[in-house]
C-alpha atoms as a PDB file:
ATOM      1  CA  MET A   1      -9.520  20.565 -15.528  1.00  0.00           C
ATOM      2  CA  SER A   2      -8.981  19.415 -11.958  1.00  0.00           C
ATOM      3  CA  CYS A   3      -6.090  20.334  -9.709  1.00  0.00           C
ATOM      4  CA  VAL A   4      -3.739  17.954  -7.892  1.00  0.00           C
ATOM      5  CA  LYS A   5      -0.570  17.768  -5.834  1.00  0.00           C
ATOM      6  CA  VAL A   6       2.095  15.444  -7.240  1.00  0.00           C
ATOM      7  CA  CYS A   7       4.228  13.722  -4.618  1.00  0.00           C
ATOM      8  CA  PRO A   8       7.926  14.441  -5.261  1.00  0.00           C
ATOM      9  CA  THR A   9       8.887  11.050  -3.791  1.00  0.00           C
ATOM     10  CA  CYS A  10       6.606   8.545  -5.536  1.00  0.00           C
ATOM     11  CA  LYS A  11       4.983  10.775  -8.214  1.00  0.00           C
ATOM     12  CA  ALA A  12       1.444   9.833  -7.085  1.00  0.00           C
ATOM     13  CA  THR A  13      -1.296  12.365  -7.721  1.00  0.00           C
ATOM     14  CA  ASN A  14      -3.126  13.575  -4.632  1.00  0.00           C
ATOM     15  CA  ALA A  15      -6.113  15.788  -3.951  1.00  0.00           C
ATOM     16  CA  PRO A  16      -5.073  19.451  -3.579  1.00  0.00           C
ATOM     17  CA  THR A  17      -6.108  19.439   0.091  1.00  0.00           C
ATOM     18  CA  GLU A  18      -3.890  16.492   1.084  1.00  0.00           C
ATOM     19  CA  VAL A  19      -0.906  17.151   3.361  1.00  0.00           C
ATOM     20  CA  MET A  20       0.381  13.550   3.216  1.00  0.00           C
ATOM     21  CA  CYS A  21       0.771  11.466   0.057  1.00  0.00           C
ATOM     22  CA  VAL A  22      -1.908   8.776  -0.147  1.00  0.00           C
ATOM     23  CA  ARG A  23       0.596   6.282  -1.584  1.00  0.00           C
ATOM     24  CA  CYS A  24       3.854   6.718   0.330  1.00  0.00           C
ATOM     25  CA  LEU A  25       2.641   8.931   3.221  1.00  0.00           C
ATOM     26  CA  GLY A  26       5.332  11.507   2.455  1.00  0.00           C
ATOM     27  CA  ASP A  27       4.871  15.141   3.508  1.00  0.00           C
ATOM     28  CA  ILE A  28       3.305  17.069   0.614  1.00  0.00           C
ATOM     29  CA  SER A  29       2.107  20.048   2.656  1.00  0.00           C
ATOM     30  CA  GLY A  30       4.500  22.373   0.820  1.00  0.00           C
ATOM     31  CA  VAL A  31       3.909  20.952  -2.669  1.00  0.00           C
ATOM     32  CA  ALA A  32       2.320  23.383  -5.108  1.00  0.00           C
ATOM     33  CA  VAL A  33      -1.104  22.595  -6.548  1.00  0.00           C
ATOM     34  CA  GLU A  34      -1.064  22.131 -10.325  1.00  0.00           C
ATOM     35  CA  GLU A  35      -3.458  21.303 -13.131  1.00  0.00           C
ATOM     36  CA  ASP A  36      -3.985  17.581 -13.619  1.00  0.00           C
ATOM     37  CA  ARG A  37      -2.658  16.664 -17.050  1.00  0.00           C
ATOM     38  CA  PRO A  38      -2.507  13.209 -18.565  1.00  0.00           C
ATOM     39  CA  SER A  39       0.960  11.796 -18.119  1.00  0.00           C
ATOM     40  CA  PRO A  40       2.897  10.728 -21.172  1.00  0.00           C
ATOM     41  CA  PRO A  41       3.337   6.966 -21.428  1.00  0.00           C
ATOM     42  CA  SER A  42       6.075   5.916 -19.039  1.00  0.00           C
ATOM     43  CA  GLN A  43       9.009   3.806 -20.127  1.00  0.00           C
ATOM     44  CA  GLU A  44       9.326   2.602 -16.541  1.00  0.00           C
ATOM     45  CA  THR A  45       6.704   0.232 -15.201  1.00  0.00           C
ATOM     46  CA  ARG A  46       6.539  -0.356 -11.470  1.00  0.00           C
ATOM     47  CA  PRO A  47       5.799  -3.930 -10.411  1.00  0.00           C
ATOM     48  CA  VAL A  48       2.211  -4.467  -9.298  1.00  0.00           C
ATOM     49  CA  MET A  49       0.499  -7.141  -7.227  1.00  0.00           C
ATOM     50  CA  THR A  50      -3.026  -7.559  -5.906  1.00  0.00           C
ATOM     51  CA  LEU A  51      -4.359  -8.335  -2.448  1.00  0.00           C
ATOM     52  CA  LYS A  52      -7.871  -9.801  -2.703  1.00  0.00           C
ATOM     53  CA  THR A  53     -10.435  -9.784   0.122  1.00  0.00           C
ATOM     54  CA  SER A  54     -12.859 -12.647   0.729  1.00  0.00           C
ATOM     55  CA  ASP A  55     -15.702 -10.486  -0.587  1.00  0.00           C
ATOM     56  CA  GLY A  56     -13.890  -9.837  -3.883  1.00  0.00           C
ATOM     57  CA  LYS A  57     -12.438  -6.367  -3.298  1.00  0.00           C
ATOM     58  CA  ASP A  58      -8.947  -5.699  -4.609  1.00  0.00           C
ATOM     59  CA  ILE A  59      -6.097  -3.668  -3.169  1.00  0.00           C
ATOM     60  CA  ILE A  60      -3.564  -2.855  -5.883  1.00  0.00           C
ATOM     61  CA  VAL A  61      -0.050  -2.615  -4.456  1.00  0.00           C
ATOM     62  CA  HIS A  62       3.003  -1.116  -6.165  1.00  0.00           C
ATOM     63  CA  ASP A  63       6.624  -1.573  -5.167  1.00  0.00           C
ATOM     64  CA  GLY A  64       7.287   0.428  -1.997  1.00  0.00           C
ATOM     65  CA  ASP A  65       3.639   0.961  -1.032  1.00  0.00           C
ATOM     66  CA  VAL A  66       2.521   1.001   2.589  1.00  0.00           C
ATOM     67  CA  VAL A  67      -0.872  -0.617   3.188  1.00  0.00           C
ATOM     68  CA  GLY A  68      -3.167   0.356   6.046  1.00  0.00           C
ATOM     69  CA  ARG A  69      -6.235   2.298   7.181  1.00  0.00           C
ATOM     70  CA  MET A  70      -4.594   5.609   6.211  1.00  0.00           C
ATOM     71  CA  ALA A  71      -2.413   4.371   3.358  1.00  0.00           C
ATOM     72  CA  VAL A  72      -2.823   2.330   0.181  1.00  0.00           C
ATOM     73  CA  GLY A  73      -6.035   0.309   0.376  1.00  0.00           C
ATOM     74  CA  ALA A  74      -7.633   2.646   2.903  1.00  0.00           C
ATOM     75  CA  ASP A  75     -10.994   2.481   1.115  1.00  0.00           C
ATOM     76  CA  VAL A  76     -11.099  -1.297   1.715  1.00  0.00           C
ATOM     77  CA  ILE A  77      -9.274  -1.459   5.063  1.00  0.00           C
ATOM     78  CA  GLU A  78     -10.775   1.556   6.905  1.00  0.00           C
ATOM     79  CA  PRO A  79     -13.659  -0.405   8.528  1.00  0.00           C
ATOM     80  CA  TYR A  80     -11.162  -2.788  10.190  1.00  0.00           C
ATOM     81  CA  LYS A  81     -10.206  -0.629  13.191  1.00  0.00           C
ATOM     82  CA  THR A  82      -7.587  -3.086  14.500  1.00  0.00           C
ATOM     83  CA  VAL A  83      -5.544  -2.758  11.293  1.00  0.00           C
ATOM     84  CA  SER A  84      -2.914  -0.064  11.781  1.00  0.00           C
ATOM     85  CA  ARG A  85      -2.936   3.186   9.855  1.00  0.00           C
ATOM     86  CA  ARG A  86       0.440   2.131   8.395  1.00  0.00           C
ATOM     87  CA  HIS A  87       0.374  -1.642   8.745  1.00  0.00           C
ATOM     88  CA  ALA A  88       2.810  -3.198   6.252  1.00  0.00           C
ATOM     89  CA  ARG A  89       5.236  -2.205   3.494  1.00  0.00           C
ATOM     90  CA  PHE A  90       5.431  -4.165   0.239  1.00  0.00           C
ATOM     91  CA  THR A  91       8.544  -4.210  -1.926  1.00  0.00           C
ATOM     92  CA  CYS A  92       9.553  -6.003  -5.091  1.00  0.00           C
ATOM     93  CA  GLU A  93      13.199  -6.991  -5.491  1.00  0.00           C
ATOM     94  CA  ASP A  94      14.487  -8.969  -8.467  1.00  0.00           C
ATOM     95  CA  GLY A  95      10.922  -9.972  -9.352  1.00  0.00           C
ATOM     96  CA  ASN A  96      10.136 -11.279  -5.854  1.00  0.00           C
ATOM     97  CA  TRP A  97       7.591  -9.612  -3.567  1.00  0.00           C
ATOM     98  CA  TYR A  98       8.266  -9.017   0.135  1.00  0.00           C
ATOM     99  CA  ILE A  99       6.192  -7.811   3.067  1.00  0.00           C
ATOM    100  CA  GLU A 100       7.437  -6.071   6.202  1.00  0.00           C
ATOM    101  CA  ASP A 101       5.324  -5.518   9.314  1.00  0.00           C
ATOM    102  CA  LEU A 102       5.691  -1.898  10.440  1.00  0.00           C
ATOM    103  CA  ASN A 103       5.721  -2.500  14.203  1.00  0.00           C
ATOM    104  CA  THR A 104       1.960  -2.942  14.428  1.00  0.00           C
ATOM    105  CA  THR A 105       0.123  -3.575  17.670  1.00  0.00           C
ATOM    106  CA  ASN A 106      -2.069  -6.324  16.236  1.00  0.00           C
ATOM    107  CA  GLU A 107       0.543  -7.974  14.024  1.00  0.00           C
ATOM    108  CA  THR A 108       0.677  -9.465  10.537  1.00  0.00           C
ATOM    109  CA  TYR A 109       0.455 -13.140   9.588  1.00  0.00           C
ATOM    110  CA  ILE A 110       1.243 -15.190   6.492  1.00  0.00           C
ATOM    111  CA  ASP A 111      -0.613 -18.511   6.476  1.00  0.00           C
ATOM    112  CA  ASP A 112      -1.069 -18.227  10.284  1.00  0.00           C
ATOM    113  CA  VAL A 113       2.653 -17.579  10.913  1.00  0.00           C
ATOM    114  CA  ARG A 114       3.324 -14.278  12.715  1.00  0.00           C
ATOM    115  CA  LEU A 115       5.809 -11.943  11.057  1.00  0.00           C
ATOM    116  CA  SER A 116       8.633 -10.395  13.050  1.00  0.00           C
ATOM    117  CA  THR A 117       8.560  -6.611  13.090  1.00  0.00           C
ATOM    118  CA  GLY A 118      10.871  -5.010  10.552  1.00  0.00           C
ATOM    119  CA  LYS A 119      11.877  -8.274   8.859  1.00  0.00           C
ATOM    120  CA  LYS A 120      11.126  -8.681   5.146  1.00  0.00           C
ATOM    121  CA  VAL A 121       9.421 -11.960   4.269  1.00  0.00           C
ATOM    122  CA  GLN A 122       8.981 -13.193   0.707  1.00  0.00           C
ATOM    123  CA  LEU A 123       5.419 -13.570  -0.559  1.00  0.00           C
ATOM    124  CA  LEU A 124       4.128 -16.228  -2.914  1.00  0.00           C
ATOM    125  CA  SER A 125       0.979 -16.180  -4.994  1.00  0.00           C
ATOM    126  CA  ASN A 126      -2.139 -17.550  -3.265  1.00  0.00           C
ATOM    127  CA  GLN A 127      -0.711 -17.129   0.233  1.00  0.00           C
ATOM    128  CA  ARG A 128      -3.146 -15.996   2.920  1.00  0.00           C
ATOM    129  CA  LEU A 129      -2.137 -12.697   4.478  1.00  0.00           C
ATOM    130  CA  THR A 130      -3.879 -11.608   7.689  1.00  0.00           C
ATOM    131  CA  LEU A 131      -3.689  -8.078   9.060  1.00  0.00           C
ATOM    132  CA  SER A 132      -4.376  -7.971  12.828  1.00  0.00           C
ATOM    133  CA  SER A 133      -6.459 -11.186  12.759  1.00  0.00           C
ATOM    134  CA  ALA A 134      -9.322  -9.067  11.376  1.00  0.00           C
ATOM    135  CA  LEU A 135      -8.708  -8.875   7.632  1.00  0.00           C
ATOM    136  CA  GLU A 136      -7.734 -11.845   5.473  1.00  0.00           C
ATOM    137  CA  LEU A 137      -6.266 -11.193   2.039  1.00  0.00           C
ATOM    138  CA  ILE A 138      -5.095 -13.515  -0.719  1.00  0.00           C
ATOM    139  CA  VAL A 139      -1.835 -12.559  -2.449  1.00  0.00           C
ATOM    140  CA  ILE A 140      -2.096 -12.494  -6.257  1.00  0.00           C
ATOM    141  CA  ILE A 141       1.273 -12.082  -7.968  1.00  0.00           C
END
């Protein structure tokens, strides 16, 4: 059996060497390492959406996730050095998805319209989301 750290905030499993949660970027430096056991089926299901790259890679986003080079989607985004480590937060409220730019240097765009920092903007399926003019994603809700 493998060992993991479970984030107390978002319940994501992390490698035992992590000091920050890979999903919510919370501090897990003091979290005890435990054996990885299959979770019982959850009654609660968190909303999920997909961000699709032009070359067919998917970034799966859950309610509350932060996307960036050192956050959710890091495996896809890491090569794009102008995308911030913590670029945007995605939330789902009453079945509607929202994005919020996290004060990035190189900005966030929806269909070529620049987002204001800290303001939540509703997303629609098939919209084009651009992170720092380097990475284009299609929103799949």
